[in-house]
Amino acid sequence: MTTGNVVALPVRPSEAEKPGASQVPKAQYAPARPREEATLPRRSWRMPSAAAVGAIFAGASWVHGNPPSCMDYWVLHKASAAYLPRGLKYPRLAYGAFHAFIEAPVLYLLVLAGDSLPKRAAFYATVALVLWLTHVI
């Protein structure tokens, strides 16, 4: 069934060609003519888009790009929760709120404070002061 690089798929037989077709009623909403995709040869290999290739060679990866903001995380969590049933939607939103507004900002601060020891010491001192003022420690 292959001719060179083109893979020809077998075409589904029509209602008249099927064995016992006279006893089988036609479907009510069956298309009147065969699909055009079945008559065209199927491409077995596709080139990636120019934008994807350009991004690979430009160094546009998650390592080189800017991280998403806290609101970007929140929008993604809301969009993900919209696909869930009602019983799972609100726990998903609660996790999303924790992740977007508590966990991500703290981790971003750790990353920003991690490039030098004085920044890290100032960050830890500030956190300790806030925890002491709020009577957590």
C-alpha atoms as a PDB file:
ATOM      1  CA  MET A   1       0.000   0.000   0.000  1.00  0.00           C
ATOM      2  CA  THR A   2       2.956   2.350   0.043  1.00  0.00           C
ATOM      3  CA  THR A   3       4.225   4.154  -3.002  1.00  0.00           C
ATOM      4  CA  GLY A   4       7.462   6.011  -2.373  1.00  0.00           C
ATOM      5  CA  ASN A   5       6.970   8.341   0.606  1.00  0.00           C
ATOM      6  CA  VAL A   6       3.182   8.469   0.259  1.00  0.00           C
ATOM      7  CA  VAL A   7       1.178   6.106   2.434  1.00  0.00           C
ATOM      8  CA  ALA A   8      -2.171   5.270   0.867  1.00  0.00           C
ATOM      9  CA  LEU A   9      -4.779   4.224   3.400  1.00  0.00           C
ATOM     10  CA  PRO A  10      -7.572   1.888   2.394  1.00  0.00           C
ATOM     11  CA  VAL A  11     -10.891   3.626   1.765  1.00  0.00           C
ATOM     12  CA  ARG A  12     -13.932   2.480   3.721  1.00  0.00           C
ATOM     13  CA  PRO A  13     -16.368   0.673   1.388  1.00  0.00           C
ATOM     14  CA  SER A  14     -19.575   2.496   0.583  1.00  0.00           C
ATOM     15  CA  GLU A  15     -22.987   1.183   1.639  1.00  0.00           C
ATOM     16  CA  ALA A  16     -23.540  -0.408  -1.789  1.00  0.00           C
ATOM     17  CA  GLU A  17     -20.204  -2.288  -1.665  1.00  0.00           C
ATOM     18  CA  LYS A  18     -20.756  -3.796   1.794  1.00  0.00           C
ATOM     19  CA  PRO A  19     -21.911  -7.416   1.965  1.00  0.00           C
ATOM     20  CA  GLY A  20     -25.590  -7.588   2.850  1.00  0.00           C
ATOM     21  CA  ALA A  21     -26.061  -3.905   2.073  1.00  0.00           C
ATOM     22  CA  SER A  22     -29.614  -4.432   0.907  1.00  0.00           C
ATOM     23  CA  GLN A  23     -30.720  -5.447   4.425  1.00  0.00           C
ATOM     24  CA  VAL A  24     -28.896  -2.605   6.237  1.00  0.00           C
ATOM     25  CA  PRO A  25     -30.836   0.698   6.320  1.00  0.00           C
ATOM     26  CA  LYS A  26     -28.916   3.873   5.531  1.00  0.00           C
ATOM     27  CA  ALA A  27     -28.046   6.124   8.421  1.00  0.00           C
ATOM     28  CA  GLN A  28     -30.318   9.125   8.726  1.00  0.00           C
ATOM     29  CA  TYR A  29     -27.565  11.730   8.779  1.00  0.00           C
ATOM     30  CA  ALA A  30     -24.974   9.974   6.622  1.00  0.00           C
ATOM     31  CA  PRO A  31     -23.072  12.235   4.242  1.00  0.00           C
ATOM     32  CA  ALA A  32     -24.233  12.049   0.639  1.00  0.00           C
ATOM     33  CA  ARG A  33     -20.695  11.955  -0.791  1.00  0.00           C
ATOM     34  CA  PRO A  34     -17.528  10.338   0.545  1.00  0.00           C
ATOM     35  CA  ARG A  35     -15.092  12.340   2.612  1.00  0.00           C
ATOM     36  CA  GLU A  36     -12.411  14.150   0.662  1.00  0.00           C
ATOM     37  CA  GLU A  37      -9.708  13.282   3.207  1.00  0.00           C
ATOM     38  CA  ALA A  38     -10.000   9.601   2.350  1.00  0.00           C
ATOM     39  CA  THR A  39      -9.175  10.215  -1.312  1.00  0.00           C
ATOM     40  CA  LEU A  40      -6.105  12.388  -0.658  1.00  0.00           C
ATOM     41  CA  PRO A  41      -2.808  10.766   0.277  1.00  0.00           C
ATOM     42  CA  ARG A  42      -1.932  11.263   3.908  1.00  0.00           C
ATOM     43  CA  ARG A  43       1.292  13.077   4.754  1.00  0.00           C
ATOM     44  CA  SER A  44       3.440  10.903   6.950  1.00  0.00           C
ATOM     45  CA  TRP A  45       5.963  13.586   7.923  1.00  0.00           C
ATOM     46  CA  ARG A  46       5.408  17.281   8.523  1.00  0.00           C
ATOM     47  CA  MET A  47       7.866  20.123   8.917  1.00  0.00           C
ATOM     48  CA  PRO A  48       7.642  22.048  12.207  1.00  0.00           C
ATOM     49  CA  SER A  49       6.427  25.607  11.975  1.00  0.00           C
ATOM     50  CA  ALA A  50       8.892  28.394  11.275  1.00  0.00           C
ATOM     51  CA  ALA A  51       8.064  29.991  14.635  1.00  0.00           C
ATOM     52  CA  ALA A  52       9.016  26.806  16.493  1.00  0.00           C
ATOM     53  CA  VAL A  53      12.275  26.402  14.586  1.00  0.00           C
ATOM     54  CA  GLY A  54      13.113  30.086  15.061  1.00  0.00           C
ATOM     55  CA  ALA A  55      12.445  29.828  18.791  1.00  0.00           C
ATOM     56  CA  ILE A  56      14.755  26.826  19.092  1.00  0.00           C
ATOM     57  CA  PHE A  57      17.653  28.599  17.405  1.00  0.00           C
ATOM     58  CA  ALA A  58      17.012  31.895  19.225  1.00  0.00           C
ATOM     59  CA  GLY A  59      17.338  30.241  22.624  1.00  0.00           C
ATOM     60  CA  ALA A  60      13.709  30.878  23.554  1.00  0.00           C
ATOM     61  CA  SER A  61      13.239  28.146  26.111  1.00  0.00           C
ATOM     62  CA  TRP A  62      11.815  28.107  29.629  1.00  0.00           C
ATOM     63  CA  VAL A  63      15.344  28.522  30.954  1.00  0.00           C
ATOM     64  CA  HIS A  64      15.984  31.700  28.965  1.00  0.00           C
ATOM     65  CA  GLY A  65      12.498  33.204  29.194  1.00  0.00           C
ATOM     66  CA  ASN A  66      10.811  35.194  31.929  1.00  0.00           C
ATOM     67  CA  PRO A  67       8.869  33.174  34.496  1.00  0.00           C
ATOM     68  CA  PRO A  68       5.100  33.574  34.589  1.00  0.00           C
ATOM     69  CA  SER A  69       3.730  36.132  37.002  1.00  0.00           C
ATOM     70  CA  CYS A  70       1.516  35.248  39.946  1.00  0.00           C
ATOM     71  CA  MET A  71      -1.554  36.417  38.035  1.00  0.00           C
ATOM     72  CA  ASP A  72      -0.551  34.212  35.077  1.00  0.00           C
ATOM     73  CA  TYR A  73      -0.546  31.248  37.454  1.00  0.00           C
ATOM     74  CA  TRP A  74      -3.962  32.273  38.787  1.00  0.00           C
ATOM     75  CA  VAL A  75      -5.425  32.531  35.273  1.00  0.00           C
ATOM     76  CA  LEU A  76      -4.111  29.060  34.430  1.00  0.00           C
ATOM     77  CA  HIS A  77      -5.599  27.617  37.626  1.00  0.00           C
ATOM     78  CA  LYS A  78      -8.983  29.240  36.914  1.00  0.00           C
ATOM     79  CA  ALA A  79      -8.972  27.883  33.362  1.00  0.00           C
ATOM     80  CA  SER A  80      -8.082  24.405  34.630  1.00  0.00           C
ATOM     81  CA  ALA A  81     -10.823  24.519  37.271  1.00  0.00           C
ATOM     82  CA  ALA A  82     -13.408  25.473  34.652  1.00  0.00           C
ATOM     83  CA  TYR A  83     -13.080  22.007  33.085  1.00  0.00           C
ATOM     84  CA  LEU A  84     -13.760  20.148  36.319  1.00  0.00           C
ATOM     85  CA  PRO A  85     -17.159  19.187  37.756  1.00  0.00           C
ATOM     86  CA  ARG A  86     -18.590  21.317  40.565  1.00  0.00           C
ATOM     87  CA  GLY A  87     -17.376  18.987  43.327  1.00  0.00           C
ATOM     88  CA  LEU A  88     -13.751  19.284  42.235  1.00  0.00           C
ATOM     89  CA  LYS A  89     -13.790  22.867  40.995  1.00  0.00           C
ATOM     90  CA  TYR A  90     -13.544  24.646  44.339  1.00  0.00           C
ATOM     91  CA  PRO A  91     -10.746  22.499  45.834  1.00  0.00           C
ATOM     92  CA  ARG A  92      -8.834  23.128  42.593  1.00  0.00           C
ATOM     93  CA  LEU A  93      -9.391  26.876  42.969  1.00  0.00           C
ATOM     94  CA  ALA A  94      -8.257  26.715  46.607  1.00  0.00           C
ATOM     95  CA  TYR A  95      -5.044  24.979  45.592  1.00  0.00           C
ATOM     96  CA  GLY A  96      -4.608  27.501  42.768  1.00  0.00           C
ATOM     97  CA  ALA A  97      -4.998  30.430  45.168  1.00  0.00           C
ATOM     98  CA  PHE A  98      -2.407  28.915  47.519  1.00  0.00           C
ATOM     99  CA  HIS A  99      -0.005  28.254  44.673  1.00  0.00           C
ATOM    100  CA  ALA A 100      -0.435  31.581  42.883  1.00  0.00           C
ATOM    101  CA  PHE A 101      -0.546  33.950  45.846  1.00  0.00           C
ATOM    102  CA  ILE A 102       1.483  32.238  48.598  1.00  0.00           C
ATOM    103  CA  GLU A 103       3.821  29.573  47.254  1.00  0.00           C
ATOM    104  CA  ALA A 104       4.993  31.212  44.004  1.00  0.00           C
ATOM    105  CA  PRO A 105       5.799  34.648  45.512  1.00  0.00           C
ATOM    106  CA  VAL A 106       7.807  33.068  48.346  1.00  0.00           C
ATOM    107  CA  LEU A 107       9.758  30.916  45.908  1.00  0.00           C
ATOM    108  CA  TYR A 108      10.338  33.923  43.623  1.00  0.00           C
ATOM    109  CA  LEU A 109      11.728  35.834  46.614  1.00  0.00           C
ATOM    110  CA  LEU A 110      14.043  32.925  47.438  1.00  0.00           C
ATOM    111  CA  VAL A 111      15.335  32.882  43.879  1.00  0.00           C
ATOM    112  CA  LEU A 112      15.842  36.645  43.824  1.00  0.00           C
ATOM    113  CA  ALA A 113      17.609  36.578  47.189  1.00  0.00           C
ATOM    114  CA  GLY A 114      19.755  33.610  46.277  1.00  0.00           C
ATOM    115  CA  ASP A 115      22.399  35.290  44.166  1.00  0.00           C
ATOM    116  CA  SER A 116      24.345  36.789  47.088  1.00  0.00           C
ATOM    117  CA  LEU A 117      24.832  36.093  50.780  1.00  0.00           C
ATOM    118  CA  PRO A 118      23.935  39.645  51.979  1.00  0.00           C
ATOM    119  CA  LYS A 119      20.635  39.530  50.066  1.00  0.00           C
ATOM    120  CA  ARG A 120      19.853  36.110  51.515  1.00  0.00           C
ATOM    121  CA  ALA A 121      20.685  37.281  55.066  1.00  0.00           C
ATOM    122  CA  ALA A 122      18.494  40.387  54.649  1.00  0.00           C
ATOM    123  CA  PHE A 123      15.662  38.231  53.327  1.00  0.00           C
ATOM    124  CA  TYR A 124      15.877  35.816  56.275  1.00  0.00           C
ATOM    125  CA  ALA A 125      16.051  38.723  58.741  1.00  0.00           C
ATOM    126  CA  THR A 126      12.974  40.324  57.171  1.00  0.00           C
ATOM    127  CA  VAL A 127      11.039  37.062  57.276  1.00  0.00           C
ATOM    128  CA  ALA A 128      12.025  36.508  60.903  1.00  0.00           C
ATOM    129  CA  LEU A 129      10.960  40.074  61.780  1.00  0.00           C
ATOM    130  CA  VAL A 130       7.569  39.651  60.089  1.00  0.00           C
ATOM    131  CA  LEU A 131       7.001  36.312  61.821  1.00  0.00           C
ATOM    132  CA  TRP A 132       8.017  37.838  65.194  1.00  0.00           C
ATOM    133  CA  LEU A 133       5.719  40.870  64.718  1.00  0.00           C
ATOM    134  CA  THR A 134       2.772  38.642  63.825  1.00  0.00           C
ATOM    135  CA  HIS A 135       3.478  36.487  66.920  1.00  0.00           C
ATOM    136  CA  VAL A 136       4.106  33.357  64.888  1.00  0.00           C
ATOM    137  CA  ILE A 137       7.491  32.838  66.545  1.00  0.00           C
END
